[in-house]
Every structure is written in C-alpha cells, then in structure tokens.
Amino acid sequence: MLLSRLARVSREVAATSARSRKIALLGELFRVADAEDVPVVIPYLAGRLPQGRLGIGWKLLGQPVAPAAEPSLTVRDVDARLTRIGGVTGTGSQSERKRLVGELMATATEDEQRFLVGLLTGEVRQGALDALAVEGLAEATGADPVDVRRAVMLTGSLQTVAQTLLEQGPAALDRFRLTVGRPVLPMLAQTASSVAEAVEKLGACAVEEKLDGIRVQVHRDGAEVRVHTRTLDDITDRLPEVTSAALELAGERFILDGEVIALDEQGRPRSFQQTAGRVGSRVDVPTAAAAVPVSPVFFDALSVDGRDLLDLPFRDRHAELARLAPEPMRVRRTVVDGPGDVAAAEDFLAETLERGHEGVVVKALGAPYGAGRRGASWLKVKPVHTLDLVVLAAEWGHGRRTGKLSNLHLGARNPDGSFAMLGKTFKGMTDAMLTWQTERLKELAVDDNGWVVTVRPELVVEIAYDGLQRSSRYPAGVTLRFARVVRYREDKRPEEADTVRTLLDAHPGVAP
C-alpha cells in the first residue's frame, strides 16, 4: 500500500466527526490493504510506531527537505527505513541518522511529509481509533463486529486479528479464545471527578486503592509462570519475586490482573519512577531486586482452573481471586451499597491518600471484564494537581491542527527569574482555544524555524497534571506526567507563575 493513501485516509478520518464516516473510510482502506501491510497500517493510523520511540525529534526534522513530486513510498518501505534509522548507533550516528531521515523525507510528497512528521513527533492522534478500526475491519471482511471485538480482546493484538481476517476470512475468528499463557489487553477505567459522582453512576460497587505502580497480568500453568505488562510485553525474567509469589498461590492454573509496586520500609509507595526503573531493568536483576524489591498486588481474576471468568460479574471474579490470593496480595478495598453510602467511600479515599497512593478505582459489582476497553463500569478518582506555567514555545500542528500552534513548551520560574522547561502538552485544547493561542503566540514570537515557534515568556497557562517524574531531558531534572491545559491566565504576569522549587516541594522524593 502506498503511504500516500494511508496519509490521505488519516487526514480524512481526523477531519470528520461522524463515526459512520470514519468507519467507512477505514473499511475502504482495509479492503485494498494486503495482509502484510496491517502490522504497519494499524499503528500508523493510531499515531504509533511499531518500533516504539526512535529518538527522531525536531533536531533531525528541523531542516525542511524539498518534497517528491509523485508518491512512491509504500508503508512497508517506510517501516523498513525507520527500523534502519532506529538501529544506527555509535560514533557519527547523529549525522548518519540525519542523512537517512533526509533521504526518507526527500522521497515523500508534501502530504506524506506532513503525515511522517506528525507520526514521528507524536502529533498524529486519532482518539479511540482501534475501536473504529475493529468496525472498519468487520465492514471490509463481512465479519460480525462483536466477533472481531472479542477476538481482539482475547489476542491483545488488533494487527494479528486483522491479518487473519484479511488472509482467511471471518471463519478464522473461532480460533481466538482466552488461553493461559497468552496475554490479553487489560480492562481500563474512565475518569470521575469525585467519589460521589462515581458511586452515583455505578450504585453498588467496590472502592479500591489506585496504586501508582506497573500494571501486570500474571499467568500460571503448573510450575510455569509468565508476567506481562499492559502492553503485553513479557517481563517475567525481570521480576523473580512475582514468579515466586504466583507459585505460592492456591491455584495451579490461572490468569490474574494486578500491579507491581515498590514500597519503602514503612510500607509506603516509593516514587513511580523507582518502580518503573526496577521493572524496566534488564541487567543484573538480582542486584536490582535487592535494591528495589517489588510486590504484586492483585485485583481481578480472568481465568481460574481453565474456566473463562471474563463474562462473570466482578463480585464473582473477586470471590475467585480471594480464594487464590491471601489478603496481603490483594488490593485494599471497601464495598458500598450505593449513593446512600458515599461517606464510607469518601473516608476510604482519604485513607488511601494518607497511605501515599494516588486515588481510588470505583468498580461496579455486577460488571463483566471488558478486556482492552476503557469501560464505564470502572471509574478512577484521584486529586488533580495544577500549576500556573509560562509558555516558552509551541510547535506547529498536523492533521486537524495543521496551521495551528499546538504542542506547548511549558516552563516554571527559576530563582534567577529565568524559566526551566518542564515538558510539553497538546492536550485539553478546544478548537476555539487553539485558534486563540495561535494568534496570541504569533504576537509573542521571536523565532520560527518552520516547526517550533519560540515566544517571549509572557503568557501564563494553568496546567493540570497527574504527577512528577525524573527526566534528564529537562533542566530541572523532572517532567510533568499527563499534562493538559485547563485555561489561560491572562490575569497573571509571568513573574507570578509557579516556581521549580514549589513544584519540587510538592512532590518530595521525586526531586533529582
């Protein structure tokens, strides 16, 4: 498949708000796609790279390249070129990567260049596109969308299901079943603004601690244990203590959902970065485990003794979990009867925050497990942190945001009056806000290299964020987690913006 066709469909999907039109566009695309194209086409549509992060940023993309007159690139050709770029290391690697990126851009048309830049910089964002792709695949192949959705849920891979469908047709979907040893995508939670709102929506529910750890799915079949992340990566060898814990449980064959978290000597959670660093460590695991031991904490059971529990109500799945895992290995929780019992739920949230955790997840007792879905029967509630920061620069957008200044560079005040960049965000902006900020930032611009517009640090913006983590990429040694725009504060001067010191004091233990 030519990249030009994929780029055009991506642009058209982004430009329409009609779900039916989005599905029709994707169906047309899948009808002409080869099965071998699917592992590239699907992640590209969603704004992901199959290779993960390649480190191709504005330093490599900042020099404009004359576009090709006619399209010739295929999606598989682009994928091969990006794999090659990602593999370049060692002396002279930066210049070689720049040369290869330049060659790729020179082979792309102007439309393809826009798509590639957006893809490589994370600006291609198609909300809930995987769900739409399921519908598009069903339309293209004549399969029942329900069957396609469940196959994706159980395999954890839309690409695998799509390839099978395009190669063998709808009858092949029967082979996809819940199997111990083969991970499935986890069920995710939507957000509620308060515990009262969550309980009002769900009625009888469990209120569970929301741990700031790493989501894991643990499979045991006799003496064999496998541990997978929420992205289905196998990390068994990195977490020997999780394997040991799974082998101590009462059952011989099961799939459990939970988190691993690092706790300090007082039983309080260490920073997310410490947990993530431990789970991400691939070398000298015994030393890493001794320095930062992690503990598994389970909150759901998907399969026990060969029985598929996905369609059972949550109360029954938790009963199976309680039969397998002792209380210290299960997430702390309280069960409430409904809106009349909100006070108990709010007390539990307060206790959870006091224990150092980030919030709660409120779960309907009668809900099935929607693997791979952000279901309305799980609602997360956590305090929102906000900061008043200064806009230091902004990046030109792509797709629906072409011609708009989108990705904001955010800074906090240093003691000397300068600003330290804390990260970027393009989230939380309405179309009206995008239009307004583009005009306002153009008035403040001091430089424009075609990709990034540097501005005078005069505009204050209120930013909500979920937490802080260490990062060597930024001068303060930290960056914001899940930053998004709340509103602009034209009533505030830049010297009234929050300081780096204020931020670090609000998150003890994270400061470098």
Protein backbone atom coordinates (compact mmCIF):
# COMPACT_ATOMS: atom_id res chain seq x y z
CA MET A 1 0.00 0.00 0.00
CA LEU A 2 1.27 3.46 -0.86
CA LEU A 3 1.91 5.76 2.09
CA SER A 4 0.04 8.50 0.23
CA ARG A 5 -3.23 6.55 0.52
CA LEU A 6 -2.73 5.96 4.23
CA ALA A 7 -1.86 9.63 4.78
CA ARG A 8 -4.99 10.74 2.93
CA VAL A 9 -7.27 8.41 4.92
CA SER A 10 -5.64 9.52 8.19
CA ARG A 11 -6.31 13.15 7.27
CA GLU A 12 -9.91 12.45 6.26
CA VAL A 13 -10.62 10.42 9.42
CA ALA A 14 -9.26 13.28 11.54
CA ALA A 15 -11.31 15.84 9.62
CA THR A 16 -14.71 14.19 10.16
CA SER A 17 -16.60 13.92 13.43
CA ALA A 18 -19.11 11.37 12.08
CA ARG A 19 -18.37 7.90 13.45
CA SER A 20 -20.09 6.22 10.50
CA ARG A 21 -17.91 8.13 8.03
CA LYS A 22 -14.74 7.24 9.94
CA ILE A 23 -15.70 3.55 9.85
CA ALA A 24 -16.50 3.74 6.12
CA LEU A 25 -13.10 5.31 5.39
CA LEU A 26 -11.29 2.63 7.37
CA GLY A 27 -13.34 -0.11 5.71
CA GLU A 28 -12.34 1.17 2.27
CA LEU A 29 -8.70 1.24 3.35
CA PHE A 30 -8.74 -2.33 4.68
CA ARG A 31 -10.44 -3.60 1.52
CA VAL A 32 -7.39 -2.60 -0.54
CA ALA A 33 -4.73 -3.43 2.07
CA ASP A 34 -2.56 -6.51 1.84
CA ALA A 35 -2.45 -8.65 4.98
CA GLU A 36 1.31 -7.95 5.19
CA ASP A 37 0.60 -4.21 5.38
CA VAL A 38 -1.54 -4.48 8.50
CA PRO A 39 1.26 -4.54 11.13
CA VAL A 40 2.26 -1.10 9.87
CA VAL A 41 -1.05 0.40 8.72
CA ILE A 42 -2.91 -0.03 12.03
CA PRO A 43 -0.30 1.53 14.34
CA TYR A 44 0.37 4.34 11.84
CA LEU A 45 -3.32 5.20 11.75
CA ALA A 46 -3.36 5.44 15.54
CA GLY A 47 -0.18 7.53 15.60
CA ARG A 48 2.12 4.77 16.88
CA LEU A 49 5.38 3.40 15.55
CA PRO A 50 5.78 -0.41 15.59
CA GLN A 51 9.40 0.15 16.65
CA GLY A 52 8.43 2.32 19.62
CA ARG A 53 10.32 5.55 20.22
CA LEU A 54 13.10 6.12 17.70
CA GLY A 55 14.50 9.37 19.07
CA ILE A 56 13.69 11.23 15.84
CA GLY A 57 12.82 14.70 17.08
CA TRP A 58 13.00 18.25 15.85
CA LYS A 59 16.81 18.24 15.69
CA LEU A 60 16.57 15.69 12.88
CA LEU A 61 13.38 17.06 11.33
CA GLY A 62 14.04 20.77 11.66
CA GLN A 63 15.67 21.23 8.24
CA PRO A 64 12.96 21.33 5.53
CA VAL A 65 13.51 19.00 2.56
CA ALA A 66 12.03 19.54 -0.91
CA PRO A 67 9.19 17.01 -1.34
CA ALA A 68 8.91 14.45 -4.12
CA ALA A 69 6.56 15.31 -6.99
CA GLU A 70 4.84 11.91 -7.13
CA PRO A 71 4.11 9.28 -4.42
CA SER A 72 6.31 6.18 -4.47
CA LEU A 73 6.78 5.20 -0.82
CA THR A 74 4.93 2.14 0.46
CA VAL A 75 4.08 1.70 4.13
CA ARG A 76 6.41 -1.28 4.36
CA ASP A 77 9.23 0.70 2.77
CA VAL A 78 8.78 3.44 5.36
CA ASP A 79 8.72 0.87 8.15
CA ALA A 80 11.98 -0.68 6.90
CA ARG A 81 13.65 2.73 6.64
CA LEU A 82 12.59 3.71 10.16
CA THR A 83 13.84 0.38 11.52
CA ARG A 84 17.19 1.10 9.88
CA ILE A 85 17.32 4.62 11.36
CA GLY A 86 16.48 3.28 14.80
CA GLY A 87 19.35 0.80 14.56
CA VAL A 88 22.03 3.43 13.88
CA THR A 89 24.29 3.84 16.92
CA GLY A 90 27.87 4.66 17.77
CA THR A 91 30.30 7.28 16.52
CA GLY A 92 28.81 9.51 13.86
CA SER A 93 25.33 8.11 14.45
CA GLN A 94 23.67 11.53 14.65
CA SER A 95 24.89 12.63 11.23
CA GLU A 96 24.03 9.25 9.72
CA ARG A 97 20.52 9.34 11.21
CA LYS A 98 20.08 12.87 9.89
CA ARG A 99 21.15 11.73 6.42
CA LEU A 100 18.71 8.81 6.45
CA VAL A 101 15.85 10.97 7.69
CA GLY A 102 16.62 13.47 4.93
CA GLU A 103 16.55 10.70 2.31
CA LEU A 104 13.19 9.49 3.61
CA MET A 105 11.68 12.97 3.55
CA ALA A 106 13.06 13.64 0.05
CA THR A 107 11.23 10.53 -1.19
CA ALA A 108 7.93 11.69 0.33
CA THR A 109 5.40 14.06 -1.20
CA GLU A 110 4.37 17.18 0.68
CA ASP A 111 1.28 15.42 2.06
CA GLU A 112 3.35 12.39 3.07
CA GLN A 113 5.94 14.62 4.73
CA ARG A 114 3.25 16.21 6.91
CA PHE A 115 1.99 12.78 7.90
CA LEU A 116 5.50 11.46 8.68
CA VAL A 117 6.45 14.49 10.76
CA GLY A 118 3.23 14.16 12.75
CA LEU A 119 3.82 10.43 13.20
CA LEU A 120 7.43 10.85 14.33
CA THR A 121 6.71 13.72 16.72
CA GLY A 122 3.57 12.21 18.27
CA GLU A 123 1.15 14.68 16.70
CA VAL A 124 -0.88 12.05 14.83
CA ARG A 125 -3.55 11.36 17.44
CA GLN A 126 -6.73 9.58 16.42
CA GLY A 127 -8.85 9.12 19.53
CA ALA A 128 -10.27 5.62 20.04
CA LEU A 129 -9.12 4.65 16.53
CA ASP A 130 -8.52 1.00 17.45
CA ALA A 131 -12.22 0.65 18.26
CA LEU A 132 -13.14 2.25 14.93
CA ALA A 133 -10.64 0.00 13.13
CA VAL A 134 -12.48 -3.04 14.51
CA GLU A 135 -15.69 -1.76 12.92
CA GLY A 136 -13.85 -0.97 9.68
CA LEU A 137 -12.36 -4.45 9.54
CA ALA A 138 -15.78 -6.02 10.07
CA GLU A 139 -17.22 -3.89 7.29
CA ALA A 140 -14.35 -4.74 4.93
CA THR A 141 -14.49 -8.50 5.53
CA GLY A 142 -18.14 -9.18 6.26
CA ALA A 143 -17.40 -10.34 9.81
CA ASP A 144 -19.64 -9.69 12.81
CA PRO A 145 -18.17 -6.69 14.73
CA VAL A 146 -18.90 -8.46 18.03
CA ASP A 147 -16.77 -11.43 16.96
CA VAL A 148 -13.95 -9.18 15.77
CA ARG A 149 -14.03 -7.20 19.02
CA ARG A 150 -13.83 -10.32 21.18
CA ALA A 151 -11.02 -11.77 19.08
CA VAL A 152 -9.02 -8.56 19.55
CA MET A 153 -9.81 -8.60 23.25
CA LEU A 154 -8.53 -12.16 23.67
CA THR A 155 -5.45 -11.92 21.50
CA GLY A 156 -4.45 -8.48 22.68
CA SER A 157 -3.48 -7.66 19.10
CA LEU A 158 -5.64 -5.87 16.58
CA GLN A 159 -2.92 -6.45 13.97
CA THR A 160 -2.98 -10.22 14.47
CA VAL A 161 -6.75 -10.38 14.11
CA ALA A 162 -6.71 -8.07 11.10
CA GLN A 163 -4.08 -10.15 9.31
CA THR A 164 -6.03 -13.33 9.99
CA LEU A 165 -9.27 -11.79 8.77
CA LEU A 166 -7.74 -10.45 5.57
CA GLU A 167 -5.98 -13.74 4.85
CA GLN A 168 -8.61 -16.30 5.90
CA GLY A 169 -11.95 -14.58 6.35
CA PRO A 170 -14.45 -14.43 9.27
CA ALA A 171 -14.49 -18.19 9.97
CA ALA A 172 -10.93 -17.95 11.33
CA LEU A 173 -12.12 -15.86 14.30
CA ASP A 174 -13.25 -19.03 16.10
CA ARG A 175 -9.65 -19.87 16.97
CA PHE A 176 -9.24 -16.87 19.28
CA ARG A 177 -10.03 -17.95 22.85
CA LEU A 178 -8.84 -16.99 26.33
CA THR A 179 -5.76 -19.12 26.95
CA VAL A 180 -3.44 -19.30 29.96
CA GLY A 181 -0.04 -18.18 28.73
CA ARG A 182 -1.37 -15.82 26.08
CA PRO A 183 -1.92 -12.29 27.48
CA VAL A 184 -4.99 -10.20 26.76
CA LEU A 185 -5.34 -6.44 26.80
CA PRO A 186 -6.34 -5.16 30.25
CA MET A 187 -9.62 -3.51 31.13
CA LEU A 188 -9.13 0.22 31.72
CA ALA A 189 -11.01 2.81 33.74
CA GLN A 190 -12.74 6.01 32.77
CA THR A 191 -12.45 9.10 34.98
CA ALA A 192 -14.89 10.55 37.50
CA SER A 193 -14.46 13.94 39.15
CA SER A 194 -15.36 12.64 42.61
CA VAL A 195 -16.19 9.52 44.58
CA ALA A 196 -19.76 10.75 44.96
CA GLU A 197 -20.12 11.03 41.17
CA ALA A 198 -18.68 7.53 40.67
CA VAL A 199 -20.94 5.90 43.27
CA GLU A 200 -23.97 7.76 41.89
CA LYS A 201 -23.27 6.30 38.43
CA LEU A 202 -22.44 2.74 39.50
CA GLY A 203 -24.63 2.02 42.50
CA ALA A 204 -23.40 -0.99 44.49
CA CYS A 205 -19.64 -1.01 43.96
CA ALA A 206 -16.19 -1.75 45.29
CA VAL A 207 -13.87 1.16 46.04
CA GLU A 208 -10.26 0.03 45.61
CA GLU A 209 -6.91 1.69 46.13
CA LYS A 210 -5.40 3.01 42.91
CA LEU A 211 -1.74 2.09 43.07
CA ASP A 212 0.87 4.10 41.18
CA GLY A 213 2.70 1.01 40.02
CA ILE A 214 3.11 -1.02 36.83
CA ARG A 215 0.09 -2.96 35.56
CA VAL A 216 0.82 -6.68 35.20
CA GLN A 217 -1.05 -9.77 34.09
CA VAL A 218 0.23 -12.96 35.71
CA HIS A 219 -0.30 -16.35 34.04
CA ARG A 220 0.41 -19.62 35.84
CA ASP A 221 0.16 -23.10 34.35
CA GLY A 222 1.55 -25.54 36.90
CA ALA A 223 5.18 -24.61 37.55
CA GLU A 224 5.28 -22.23 34.57
CA VAL A 225 4.67 -18.52 35.33
CA ARG A 226 4.66 -15.66 32.83
CA VAL A 227 4.32 -11.96 33.68
CA HIS A 228 3.15 -9.43 31.09
CA THR A 229 2.74 -5.65 31.08
CA ARG A 230 -0.39 -3.77 29.97
CA THR A 231 1.22 -3.56 26.51
CA LEU A 232 1.63 -7.37 26.59
CA ASP A 233 5.44 -7.33 26.88
CA ASP A 234 6.86 -10.38 28.66
CA ILE A 235 8.83 -9.18 31.71
CA THR A 236 8.94 -12.48 33.61
CA ASP A 237 12.73 -12.59 33.84
CA ARG A 238 12.87 -9.12 35.39
CA LEU A 239 10.52 -9.92 38.29
CA PRO A 240 11.58 -13.12 40.05
CA GLU A 241 9.69 -12.11 43.21
CA VAL A 242 6.42 -12.03 41.22
CA THR A 243 7.07 -15.52 39.90
CA SER A 244 7.74 -16.73 43.46
CA ALA A 245 4.54 -15.08 44.71
CA ALA A 246 2.47 -16.66 41.93
CA LEU A 247 3.83 -20.11 42.75
CA GLU A 248 2.74 -19.67 46.38
CA LEU A 249 -0.91 -19.11 45.45
CA ALA A 250 -3.51 -21.81 45.94
CA GLY A 251 -4.34 -22.47 42.28
CA GLU A 252 -2.35 -24.34 39.65
CA ARG A 253 -3.78 -22.65 36.55
CA PHE A 254 -4.95 -19.04 36.42
CA ILE A 255 -4.71 -15.55 34.93
CA LEU A 256 -4.67 -12.67 37.43
CA ASP A 257 -4.74 -8.91 36.87
CA GLY A 258 -2.91 -6.52 39.16
CA GLU A 259 0.04 -4.20 39.69
CA VAL A 260 3.58 -4.43 40.94
CA ILE A 261 4.74 -1.65 43.22
CA ALA A 262 7.87 -0.80 45.20
CA LEU A 263 7.28 0.02 48.87
CA ASP A 264 9.63 1.59 51.40
CA GLU A 265 10.44 0.32 54.89
CA GLN A 266 7.25 1.88 56.28
CA GLY A 267 5.11 0.19 53.63
CA ARG A 268 4.51 3.42 51.75
CA PRO A 269 4.86 3.53 47.95
CA ARG A 270 8.17 4.66 46.53
CA SER A 271 8.06 7.05 43.57
CA PHE A 272 6.61 5.73 40.33
CA GLN A 273 9.99 6.30 38.71
CA GLN A 274 11.68 3.87 41.10
CA THR A 275 9.08 1.19 40.39
CA ALA A 276 9.27 1.82 36.64
CA GLY A 277 13.06 1.82 36.71
CA ARG A 278 13.11 -1.50 38.51
CA VAL A 279 10.60 -3.12 36.16
CA GLY A 280 12.45 -1.72 33.15
CA SER A 281 15.85 -3.00 34.29
CA ARG A 282 17.08 -5.83 32.06
CA VAL A 283 20.56 -6.36 33.52
CA ASP A 284 21.78 -7.64 36.88
CA VAL A 285 18.26 -8.44 38.03
CA PRO A 286 19.32 -9.90 41.44
CA THR A 287 21.06 -6.64 42.37
CA ALA A 288 18.13 -4.56 41.14
CA ALA A 289 15.68 -6.76 43.06
CA ALA A 290 17.70 -6.38 46.25
CA ALA A 291 17.89 -2.59 45.87
CA VAL A 292 14.26 -2.04 44.85
CA PRO A 293 12.09 -5.09 45.61
CA VAL A 294 8.58 -5.00 44.20
CA SER A 295 5.41 -6.65 45.41
CA PRO A 296 2.50 -7.93 43.32
CA VAL A 297 -0.96 -6.70 44.30
CA PHE A 298 -3.88 -8.38 42.52
CA PHE A 299 -7.38 -7.02 41.95
CA ASP A 300 -9.04 -9.33 39.40
CA ALA A 301 -9.14 -12.92 38.16
CA LEU A 302 -9.70 -13.61 34.45
CA SER A 303 -9.31 -17.37 34.43
CA VAL A 304 -9.15 -20.00 37.18
CA ASP A 305 -8.69 -23.75 36.73
CA GLY A 306 -9.26 -23.43 32.99
CA ARG A 307 -12.56 -21.51 33.39
CA ASP A 308 -13.01 -18.27 31.46
CA LEU A 309 -14.30 -15.72 34.01
CA LEU A 310 -14.48 -12.66 31.75
CA ASP A 311 -18.27 -12.63 31.49
CA LEU A 312 -18.88 -13.17 35.21
CA PRO A 313 -19.86 -10.17 37.36
CA PHE A 314 -16.99 -8.55 39.21
CA ARG A 315 -18.23 -9.75 42.63
CA ASP A 316 -17.86 -13.38 41.44
CA ARG A 317 -14.45 -12.80 39.86
CA HIS A 318 -13.22 -11.22 43.08
CA ALA A 319 -14.50 -14.18 45.07
CA GLU A 320 -12.33 -16.42 42.88
CA LEU A 321 -9.38 -14.09 43.45
CA ALA A 322 -9.91 -14.18 47.21
CA ARG A 323 -9.86 -17.98 47.08
CA LEU A 324 -6.45 -17.92 45.39
CA ALA A 325 -4.60 -14.94 46.83
CA PRO A 326 -4.19 -14.08 50.54
CA GLU A 327 -5.32 -10.66 51.69
CA PRO A 328 -1.82 -9.04 51.68
CA MET A 329 -1.60 -9.85 47.97
CA ARG A 330 -4.98 -8.30 47.16
CA VAL A 331 -5.63 -4.61 46.71
CA ARG A 332 -7.25 -2.89 49.71
CA ARG A 333 -10.93 -2.18 49.13
CA THR A 334 -14.28 -1.39 50.67
CA VAL A 335 -17.70 -2.31 49.32
CA VAL A 336 -20.53 0.24 49.38
CA ASP A 337 -24.23 -0.25 48.68
CA GLY A 338 -24.78 2.87 46.58
CA PRO A 339 -25.29 6.65 46.85
CA GLY A 340 -26.53 6.35 50.43
CA ASP A 341 -23.10 5.04 51.44
CA VAL A 342 -20.95 7.75 49.84
CA ALA A 343 -19.45 8.82 53.17
CA ALA A 344 -17.76 5.42 53.58
CA ALA A 345 -16.33 5.66 50.07
CA GLU A 346 -15.00 9.17 50.71
CA ASP A 347 -13.43 8.05 54.00
CA PHE A 348 -11.70 5.22 52.14
CA LEU A 349 -10.33 7.68 49.55
CA ALA A 350 -8.96 9.88 52.34
CA GLU A 351 -7.28 6.87 53.98
CA THR A 352 -5.83 5.80 50.63
CA LEU A 353 -4.30 9.23 50.01
CA GLU A 354 -2.92 9.25 53.55
CA ARG A 355 -1.23 5.92 52.80
CA GLY A 356 0.56 7.59 49.90
CA HIS A 357 -1.43 6.15 46.99
CA GLU A 358 -2.76 8.26 44.13
CA GLY A 359 -6.52 7.71 44.41
CA VAL A 360 -9.18 5.02 44.04
CA VAL A 361 -10.89 3.00 41.33
CA VAL A 362 -14.63 2.52 41.82
CA LYS A 363 -15.92 -0.69 40.21
CA ALA A 364 -19.49 -1.86 39.59
CA LEU A 365 -20.01 -5.21 41.32
CA GLY A 366 -22.12 -6.62 38.50
CA ALA A 367 -19.88 -5.71 35.56
CA PRO A 368 -18.04 -8.23 33.33
CA TYR A 369 -14.37 -7.79 32.45
CA GLY A 370 -14.06 -5.75 29.25
CA ALA A 371 -10.54 -6.65 28.16
CA GLY A 372 -8.96 -3.96 26.02
CA ARG A 373 -11.76 -1.48 26.73
CA ARG A 374 -11.98 1.67 28.82
CA GLY A 375 -15.28 0.64 30.35
CA ALA A 376 -17.79 2.89 32.13
CA SER A 377 -18.10 0.31 34.93
CA TRP A 378 -14.62 1.21 36.26
CA LEU A 379 -14.16 4.85 37.29
CA LYS A 380 -10.89 6.24 38.63
CA VAL A 381 -10.89 9.16 41.06
CA LYS A 382 -7.74 11.00 42.05
CA PRO A 383 -6.80 14.52 43.11
CA VAL A 384 -5.76 16.80 40.28
CA HIS A 385 -2.57 18.85 40.64
CA THR A 386 -2.42 22.20 38.87
CA LEU A 387 0.34 24.68 38.13
CA ASP A 388 0.50 28.10 36.56
CA LEU A 389 3.30 27.84 33.99
CA VAL A 390 4.68 30.04 31.23
CA VAL A 391 4.57 29.16 27.53
CA LEU A 392 8.14 29.15 26.19
CA ALA A 393 7.44 27.90 22.65
CA ALA A 394 4.88 25.98 20.60
CA GLU A 395 5.05 23.53 17.71
CA TRP A 396 3.03 23.74 14.52
CA GLY A 397 0.31 21.09 14.49
CA HIS A 398 -0.57 18.41 11.97
CA GLY A 399 -3.74 16.70 10.80
CA ARG A 400 -6.74 18.62 12.09
CA ARG A 401 -4.31 21.06 13.74
CA THR A 402 -2.40 21.98 10.59
CA GLY A 403 -1.79 25.72 10.61
CA LYS A 404 -2.34 25.96 14.38
CA LEU A 405 0.27 26.27 17.11
CA SER A 406 -0.43 23.16 19.14
CA ASN A 407 2.22 21.47 21.30
CA LEU A 408 3.14 23.90 24.09
CA HIS A 409 6.58 24.01 25.73
CA LEU A 410 5.96 24.73 29.43
CA GLY A 411 8.28 26.42 31.92
CA ALA A 412 8.43 27.17 35.65
CA ARG A 413 10.37 30.04 37.22
CA ASN A 414 13.97 29.63 38.39
CA PRO A 415 15.35 31.67 41.32
CA ASP A 416 17.17 33.98 38.88
CA GLY A 417 13.96 34.85 37.03
CA SER A 418 14.63 32.59 34.03
CA PHE A 419 12.38 29.66 33.14
CA ALA A 420 13.09 25.92 33.24
CA MET A 421 11.19 23.80 30.73
CA LEU A 422 9.18 21.03 32.41
CA GLY A 423 7.69 19.32 29.37
CA LYS A 424 5.17 19.70 26.56
CA THR A 425 1.46 19.21 26.04
CA PHE A 426 -1.11 19.45 23.26
CA LYS A 427 -3.94 18.02 25.38
CA GLY A 428 -7.05 19.71 26.75
CA MET A 429 -7.38 22.31 23.99
CA THR A 430 -10.66 23.12 22.32
CA ASP A 431 -10.75 24.32 18.71
CA ALA A 432 -11.52 27.83 19.94
CA MET A 433 -8.54 27.72 22.31
CA LEU A 434 -6.24 26.52 19.51
CA THR A 435 -7.31 29.41 17.30
CA TRP A 436 -6.88 31.95 20.09
CA GLN A 437 -3.50 30.67 21.27
CA THR A 438 -2.15 30.55 17.71
CA GLU A 439 -2.88 34.24 17.18
CA ARG A 440 -1.64 35.20 20.65
CA LEU A 441 1.61 33.23 20.37
CA LYS A 442 2.30 34.64 16.92
CA GLU A 443 2.20 38.08 18.53
CA LEU A 444 4.80 36.92 21.07
CA ALA A 445 7.02 35.06 18.56
CA VAL A 446 10.75 35.75 18.45
CA ASP A 447 11.77 32.87 16.19
CA ASP A 448 10.13 30.35 13.84
CA ASN A 449 12.20 27.56 12.28
CA GLY A 450 9.23 26.07 10.49
CA TRP A 451 8.48 23.52 13.22
CA VAL A 452 8.85 25.35 16.53
CA VAL A 453 7.88 28.93 17.30
CA THR A 454 9.85 30.39 20.22
CA VAL A 455 7.94 33.11 22.07
CA ARG A 456 8.58 35.74 24.69
CA PRO A 457 7.82 34.11 28.09
CA GLU A 458 4.81 36.27 28.89
CA LEU A 459 1.74 34.04 28.57
CA VAL A 460 0.67 32.11 31.68
CA VAL A 461 -1.36 28.91 31.33
CA GLU A 462 -2.94 26.75 34.04
CA ILE A 463 -1.85 23.13 33.60
CA ALA A 464 -3.33 20.05 35.25
CA TYR A 465 -1.05 17.05 35.68
CA ASP A 466 -1.10 13.66 37.36
CA GLY A 467 2.33 13.61 38.93
CA LEU A 468 6.01 14.30 38.57
CA GLN A 469 8.82 12.09 37.37
CA ARG A 470 12.55 12.42 36.95
CA SER A 471 13.86 13.19 33.48
CA SER A 472 17.36 14.03 32.29
CA ARG A 473 15.86 15.67 29.18
CA TYR A 474 14.79 18.78 31.09
CA PRO A 475 16.94 21.28 33.01
CA ALA A 476 15.18 20.85 36.36
CA GLY A 477 15.69 17.08 36.13
CA VAL A 478 11.94 16.44 36.27
CA THR A 479 8.94 16.48 33.94
CA LEU A 480 5.15 16.51 34.36
CA ARG A 481 3.12 13.35 33.89
CA PHE A 482 -0.02 13.60 31.70
CA ALA A 483 -0.01 17.40 31.49
CA ARG A 484 -3.06 19.07 29.92
CA VAL A 485 -4.32 22.64 29.53
CA VAL A 486 -7.04 23.85 31.89
CA ARG A 487 -7.22 27.51 30.87
CA TYR A 488 -5.11 30.55 30.08
CA ARG A 489 -4.42 33.01 32.90
CA GLU A 490 -4.14 36.39 31.22
CA ASP A 491 -4.83 37.88 34.65
CA LYS A 492 -1.41 36.66 35.80
CA ARG A 493 2.03 38.02 34.99
CA PRO A 494 4.89 35.58 34.23
CA GLU A 495 6.61 36.54 37.48
CA GLU A 496 3.54 35.16 39.27
CA ALA A 497 3.93 31.72 37.68
CA ASP A 498 4.86 28.76 39.88
CA THR A 499 8.50 28.12 40.61
CA VAL A 500 10.58 24.99 40.16
CA ARG A 501 11.11 24.96 43.94
CA THR A 502 7.36 25.00 44.61
CA LEU A 503 6.90 22.04 42.27
CA LEU A 504 9.70 20.00 43.83
CA ASP A 505 8.47 20.74 47.36
CA ALA A 506 5.01 19.45 46.40
CA HIS A 507 6.48 16.09 45.34
CA PRO A 508 9.06 15.06 47.94
CA GLY A 509 11.11 12.07 46.96
CA VAL A 510 10.94 12.79 43.24
CA ALA A 511 13.48 15.61 43.09
CA PRO A 512 16.81 14.56 41.49
